[in-house]
Structure formats: C-alpha cells, structure tokens
N, C-alpha and C. Protein backbone atom coordinates (compact mmCIF):
# COMPACT_ATOMS: atom_id res chain seq x y z
N MET A 1 1.05 -1.30 -0.14
CA MET A 1 -0.09 0.04 0.04
C MET A 1 0.72 1.50 0.19
N LYS A 2 0.70 2.30 -0.66
CA LYS A 2 1.40 3.64 -1.23
C LYS A 2 1.08 4.27 0.19
N ARG A 3 2.44 5.26 0.50
CA ARG A 3 2.54 5.99 1.45
C ARG A 3 0.87 6.84 1.03
N ASP A 4 0.16 7.75 0.42
CA ASP A 4 -0.23 8.53 0.15
C ASP A 4 -1.75 7.93 0.58
N THR A 5 -1.61 6.83 0.35
CA THR A 5 -2.97 5.47 0.41
C THR A 5 -3.05 5.66 2.00
N VAL A 6 -1.89 5.17 2.79
CA VAL A 6 -2.14 4.91 3.97
C VAL A 6 -2.50 6.54 4.88
N VAL A 7 -1.71 7.56 4.45
CA VAL A 7 -2.01 8.59 5.06
C VAL A 7 -3.41 9.24 4.55
N SER A 8 -4.33 8.85 3.44
CA SER A 8 -5.50 9.17 3.39
C SER A 8 -7.02 7.79 3.99
N LYS A 9 -6.28 7.18 4.16
CA LYS A 9 -7.17 6.29 5.31
C LYS A 9 -6.90 6.96 6.68
N VAL A 10 -5.55 7.58 7.50
CA VAL A 10 -5.59 7.75 8.66
C VAL A 10 -6.08 9.20 8.99
N ARG A 11 -6.28 10.19 7.92
CA ARG A 11 -7.03 11.01 7.93
C ARG A 11 -8.29 10.88 8.23
N LYS A 12 -8.80 9.58 6.95
CA LYS A 12 -10.15 9.69 7.50
C LYS A 12 -10.61 8.99 8.80
N ALA A 13 -9.48 8.15 9.31
CA ALA A 13 -10.08 7.68 10.63
C ALA A 13 -9.84 8.76 11.34
N ALA A 14 -8.91 9.68 11.32
CA ALA A 14 -8.93 10.45 12.15
C ALA A 14 -9.90 12.19 12.56
N GLU A 15 -10.76 12.10 11.51
CA GLU A 15 -12.34 12.72 11.56
C GLU A 15 -12.78 12.04 12.75
N LYS A 16 -12.99 11.05 12.66
CA LYS A 16 -13.99 10.68 13.74
C LYS A 16 -13.22 10.40 15.11
N ALA A 17 -12.05 10.66 15.30
CA ALA A 17 -11.13 10.41 16.61
C ALA A 17 -12.02 11.17 17.30
N ASP A 18 -12.02 11.23 18.65
CA ASP A 18 -12.05 12.08 19.99
C ASP A 18 -11.07 12.70 20.64
N VAL A 19 -10.54 13.62 20.56
CA VAL A 19 -9.38 14.33 20.59
C VAL A 19 -9.46 15.67 21.70
N SER A 20 -10.89 15.37 21.85
CA SER A 20 -11.01 16.11 23.49
C SER A 20 -10.13 16.45 24.41
N ASN A 21 -9.93 15.01 24.90
CA ASN A 21 -9.10 15.08 26.11
C ASN A 21 -7.79 15.15 26.11
N ILE A 22 -7.12 15.61 24.72
CA ILE A 22 -5.32 15.24 24.25
C ILE A 22 -4.95 17.04 24.14
N ASP A 23 -4.03 17.12 25.26
CA ASP A 23 -3.53 18.27 25.00
C ASP A 23 -2.43 18.52 23.76
N PHE A 24 -1.56 17.51 23.63
CA PHE A 24 -1.04 17.27 22.58
C PHE A 24 -0.29 15.97 22.42
N LEU A 25 -0.39 15.65 20.78
CA LEU A 25 0.51 14.42 20.67
C LEU A 25 0.96 14.35 19.32
N ALA A 26 2.10 13.72 19.44
CA ALA A 26 2.78 13.94 17.72
C ALA A 26 3.88 12.70 17.32
N VAL A 27 3.46 12.18 16.57
CA VAL A 27 3.63 10.77 16.05
C VAL A 27 3.98 10.79 15.38
N GLN A 28 5.24 10.23 15.05
CA GLN A 28 5.72 10.08 13.50
C GLN A 28 5.86 8.47 13.06
N ILE A 29 5.43 8.23 11.83
CA ILE A 29 5.01 6.92 11.62
C ILE A 29 6.27 7.18 10.35
N ASN A 30 7.03 5.80 10.47
CA ASN A 30 7.84 5.31 8.87
C ASN A 30 7.31 3.91 8.67
N LEU A 31 6.71 4.21 7.45
CA LEU A 31 6.77 3.13 7.05
C LEU A 31 7.63 2.45 6.21
N THR A 32 7.86 1.16 6.73
CA THR A 32 9.70 0.49 6.17
C THR A 32 9.46 -0.14 5.17
N ASP A 33 8.50 -0.41 4.18
CA ASP A 33 8.68 -0.84 3.17
C ASP A 33 8.15 0.40 1.95
N GLN A 34 8.25 1.56 2.23
CA GLN A 34 7.78 2.76 1.25
C GLN A 34 9.07 3.64 1.44
N ASP A 35 9.16 4.07 0.31
CA ASP A 35 10.01 5.34 -0.36
C ASP A 35 9.04 6.63 -0.92
N PRO A 36 9.17 7.82 -0.57
CA PRO A 36 9.15 7.96 0.95
C PRO A 36 8.20 7.54 1.90
N GLY A 37 8.08 7.26 2.96
CA GLY A 37 7.48 6.49 4.30
C GLY A 37 7.27 6.96 5.20
N VAL A 38 7.52 8.32 5.35
CA VAL A 38 6.82 9.07 6.37
C VAL A 38 5.97 10.15 6.98
N PHE A 39 5.43 10.02 7.49
CA PHE A 39 4.15 10.67 7.97
C PHE A 39 3.83 11.31 9.63
N TYR A 40 3.45 11.85 9.65
CA TYR A 40 2.98 12.31 10.92
C TYR A 40 1.78 12.52 11.09
N VAL A 41 1.05 12.38 12.80
CA VAL A 41 0.10 12.63 13.28
C VAL A 41 0.10 13.18 14.09
N GLU A 42 -0.48 14.77 14.56
CA GLU A 42 0.08 15.48 15.27
C GLU A 42 -1.80 16.16 15.95
N VAL A 43 -2.17 16.03 17.60
CA VAL A 43 -3.00 16.27 18.18
C VAL A 43 -2.93 17.75 18.69
N LYS A 44 -3.30 18.46 18.45
CA LYS A 44 -2.69 20.37 19.33
C LYS A 44 -3.78 20.74 19.46
N ASP A 45 -4.24 21.25 20.50
CA ASP A 45 -5.41 22.41 21.04
C ASP A 45 -6.46 21.64 20.49
N HIS A 46 -6.69 20.17 20.91
CA HIS A 46 -7.29 19.52 20.36
C HIS A 46 -8.11 19.11 19.44
N LYS A 47 -7.14 19.34 18.18
CA LYS A 47 -7.16 19.56 16.85
C LYS A 47 -6.09 18.31 16.27
N ILE A 48 -6.74 17.79 15.32
CA ILE A 48 -5.82 16.18 14.89
C ILE A 48 -5.67 16.51 13.50
N SER A 49 -4.14 16.27 12.88
CA SER A 49 -3.88 16.68 11.74
C SER A 49 -2.80 15.51 11.20
N VAL A 50 -2.78 15.16 10.08
CA VAL A 50 -2.28 14.45 9.57
C VAL A 50 -1.53 14.92 8.26
N GLU A 51 0.02 14.38 8.44
CA GLU A 51 0.76 15.06 7.26
C GLU A 51 1.70 14.62 6.63
N PRO A 52 2.18 14.25 5.42
CA PRO A 52 3.43 13.73 4.96
C PRO A 52 4.83 14.07 4.90
N TYR A 53 4.92 14.22 6.43
CA TYR A 53 6.41 14.84 6.43
C TYR A 53 7.07 13.67 8.01
N ASP A 54 8.30 14.47 7.32
CA ASP A 54 9.29 14.31 8.97
C ASP A 54 8.34 15.14 10.05
N TYR A 55 8.67 14.67 11.33
CA TYR A 55 8.37 15.37 12.41
C TYR A 55 9.52 15.47 13.64
N HIS A 56 10.21 16.50 13.86
CA HIS A 56 11.47 16.41 14.46
C HIS A 56 10.97 16.34 16.02
N ASP A 57 10.07 17.57 16.47
CA ASP A 57 9.64 17.58 17.55
C ASP A 57 8.39 17.16 18.21
N ARG A 58 8.88 15.23 17.65
CA ARG A 58 7.60 14.22 18.57
C ARG A 58 7.88 13.59 19.41
N ASN A 59 6.14 13.26 20.07
CA ASN A 59 6.51 12.26 21.06
C ASN A 59 7.35 10.64 21.32
N CYS A 60 7.27 10.50 19.90
CA CYS A 60 7.98 9.25 19.59
C CYS A 60 7.99 8.73 17.62
N ALA A 61 8.00 7.98 17.64
CA ALA A 61 8.04 7.27 15.99
C ALA A 61 8.04 5.49 16.18
N ILE A 62 6.98 5.77 15.30
CA ILE A 62 6.59 4.12 14.93
C ILE A 62 7.24 3.62 13.60
N SER A 63 7.76 2.36 13.94
CA SER A 63 8.59 2.04 12.20
C SER A 63 7.47 0.58 12.07
N ILE A 64 6.69 0.24 10.95
CA ILE A 64 6.04 -0.75 10.87
C ILE A 64 5.96 -0.67 9.06
N THR A 65 5.55 -2.15 8.87
CA THR A 65 5.24 -1.79 7.33
C THR A 65 3.76 -1.76 7.05
N SER A 66 3.67 -1.06 6.33
CA SER A 66 2.12 -0.62 5.70
C SER A 66 1.10 -1.20 5.61
N GLU A 67 1.54 -2.73 5.35
CA GLU A 67 0.68 -3.96 5.45
C GLU A 67 0.48 -3.78 7.25
N ASP A 68 1.33 -4.16 7.64
CA ASP A 68 0.96 -3.82 9.25
C ASP A 68 0.37 -2.94 9.35
N PHE A 69 0.61 -1.49 9.31
CA PHE A 69 -0.06 -0.25 9.93
C PHE A 69 -1.62 -0.38 9.23
N ASN A 70 -1.78 -1.27 8.50
CA ASN A 70 -2.92 -0.98 7.98
C ASN A 70 -3.82 -1.64 9.13
N LYS A 71 -3.49 -3.06 9.64
CA LYS A 71 -3.97 -4.18 10.13
C LYS A 71 -4.13 -3.27 11.61
N LEU A 72 -2.73 -2.73 11.55
CA LEU A 72 -2.88 -1.76 13.30
C LEU A 72 -4.58 -1.19 13.43
N ILE A 73 -4.41 -0.19 12.38
CA ILE A 73 -5.60 0.98 12.38
C ILE A 73 -6.84 0.16 12.01
N SER A 74 -6.81 -0.71 11.37
CA SER A 74 -8.30 -1.68 11.21
C SER A 74 -8.28 -2.23 12.34
N GLY A 75 -7.61 -2.59 13.98
CA GLY A 75 -8.25 -3.30 14.57
C GLY A 75 -7.21 -4.95 14.50
N LYS A 76 -7.17 -5.17 13.32
CA LYS A 76 -6.89 -6.58 13.03
C LYS A 76 -5.35 -7.01 13.50
N LEU A 77 -4.36 -5.79 14.05
CA LEU A 77 -3.41 -6.27 14.82
C LEU A 77 -3.18 -5.41 15.85
N ASP A 78 -2.78 -5.92 17.07
CA ASP A 78 -2.96 -6.17 18.25
C ASP A 78 -1.52 -4.94 18.84
N PRO A 79 -1.44 -3.51 18.78
CA PRO A 79 -0.70 -2.92 19.11
C PRO A 79 0.83 -3.62 20.03
N VAL A 80 0.55 -4.31 21.37
CA VAL A 80 1.38 -4.69 22.14
C VAL A 80 2.03 -6.23 21.38
N ALA A 81 0.80 -6.56 20.87
CA ALA A 81 1.64 -8.08 20.00
C ALA A 81 2.28 -7.98 19.10
N ALA A 82 2.72 -6.85 18.03
CA ALA A 82 2.86 -6.44 17.06
C ALA A 82 4.38 -5.84 17.59
N PHE A 83 4.77 -5.16 19.09
CA PHE A 83 5.67 -4.72 19.22
C PHE A 83 6.39 -5.97 19.88
N SER A 84 5.92 -6.52 20.58
CA SER A 84 6.41 -7.89 21.22
C SER A 84 7.18 -8.55 20.37
N SER A 85 6.10 -9.12 18.93
CA SER A 85 7.15 -9.81 17.85
C SER A 85 7.74 -8.88 17.19
N GLY A 86 8.47 -7.82 17.15
CA GLY A 86 9.16 -6.65 16.30
C GLY A 86 8.31 -6.41 15.18
N LYS A 87 7.65 -6.48 14.87
CA LYS A 87 6.30 -5.91 13.53
C LYS A 87 6.34 -4.31 13.93
N LEU A 88 6.33 -4.13 14.80
CA LEU A 88 6.15 -2.51 15.28
C LEU A 88 7.61 -1.96 16.30
N LYS A 89 8.44 -1.05 15.93
CA LYS A 89 8.99 -0.38 16.68
C LYS A 89 8.62 0.68 17.30
N VAL A 90 8.81 1.39 18.17
CA VAL A 90 8.68 2.55 18.65
C VAL A 90 10.26 3.24 19.46
N ASP A 91 10.44 4.58 18.74
CA ASP A 91 11.63 4.99 19.19
C ASP A 91 10.90 6.30 20.05
N GLY A 92 10.76 6.16 21.33
CA GLY A 92 10.78 7.35 21.80
C GLY A 92 9.43 6.88 23.41
N ASP A 93 8.67 7.75 23.46
CA ASP A 93 7.68 7.19 24.86
C ASP A 93 6.63 6.04 23.84
N ILE A 94 6.69 5.02 24.64
CA ILE A 94 6.00 4.22 23.87
C ILE A 94 4.36 4.13 24.73
N GLY A 95 4.15 5.04 25.92
CA GLY A 95 3.08 5.40 26.18
C GLY A 95 2.22 6.10 25.29
N LYS A 96 3.09 7.26 24.67
CA LYS A 96 2.22 7.91 23.31
C LYS A 96 2.10 7.14 22.26
N ALA A 97 3.20 6.17 22.06
CA ALA A 97 2.61 4.92 20.85
C ALA A 97 1.34 4.48 21.49
N VAL A 98 0.99 3.78 22.58
CA VAL A 98 -0.01 3.28 22.71
C VAL A 98 -1.37 4.24 22.69
N GLU A 99 -1.23 5.44 23.33
CA GLU A 99 -2.10 6.71 23.29
C GLU A 99 -2.81 6.75 21.74
N PHE A 100 -1.74 6.84 20.52
CA PHE A 100 -1.31 6.89 19.45
C PHE A 100 -2.56 5.69 19.23
N SER A 101 -2.25 4.67 19.21
CA SER A 101 -3.09 3.46 18.35
C SER A 101 -4.78 3.27 18.62
N ASN A 102 -4.49 3.60 20.38
CA ASN A 102 -5.83 3.81 20.70
C ASN A 102 -6.65 4.94 20.05
N LEU A 103 -6.11 5.90 19.91
CA LEU A 103 -7.05 7.19 19.49
C LEU A 103 -7.24 6.68 17.59
N LEU A 104 -6.63 6.19 17.04
CA LEU A 104 -6.90 5.53 15.66
C LEU A 104 -7.79 4.66 15.38
N LYS A 105 -7.89 3.27 16.63
CA LYS A 105 -8.81 2.51 16.76
C LYS A 105 -10.17 3.01 16.92
N LYS A 106 -10.64 4.34 17.78
CA LYS A 106 -12.07 4.47 18.15
C LYS A 106 -13.04 4.58 16.65
C-alpha cells in the first residue's frame, strides 16, 4: 500500500477520533516498505492533523510496514503483540505510541 493511500486512510480515521482530552500528541510513522514512507499525526489544541512530512519534535516514532500499519489501524493487529513480535518498533515514548494506536481505533 502506497504512503499516500495510508495517509488518506489515517486522515479519514482521524475525522472520527475524539481528541477532546488530548492536549498534545505528535507521532511520526515510518513505513519501512515505502520510499518515502514518512508521515506524522499531531494532536494540538484538541485538533488533529495528518501530514506527509518528518516531525522532528515528536513524542515518538513508530516504524512498521504499510501492511501491518493498515492492520493496526483497522484493529486486526494488536499493538502490544506487534511490538512484542518485532513488527512494530517505537523510538521514544511507548505510552504515547499506545495512546496513538487507541486514538485511531475508536
């Protein structure tokens, strides 16, 4: 799955996300099977944005294949199981990565 397709899916999921209790969350996604495969999701001032760029001042970065990321946001892949099996790698605050995965599954 191409990065732009993934970004579109995440934007659609973000429209339904309840971010009313999140002050700030910045997660960079690195799709390991894409070039370019980087985008970010930011929640700031209770508004969510998804952009196809690097985010250097982030809480964490998640590295995962586009197929596994698609499974993750559709609820078919448990984030803890993905992390434990090495399908998902987190650089930074793991708690924020879990908060992010819960945000998109709602």
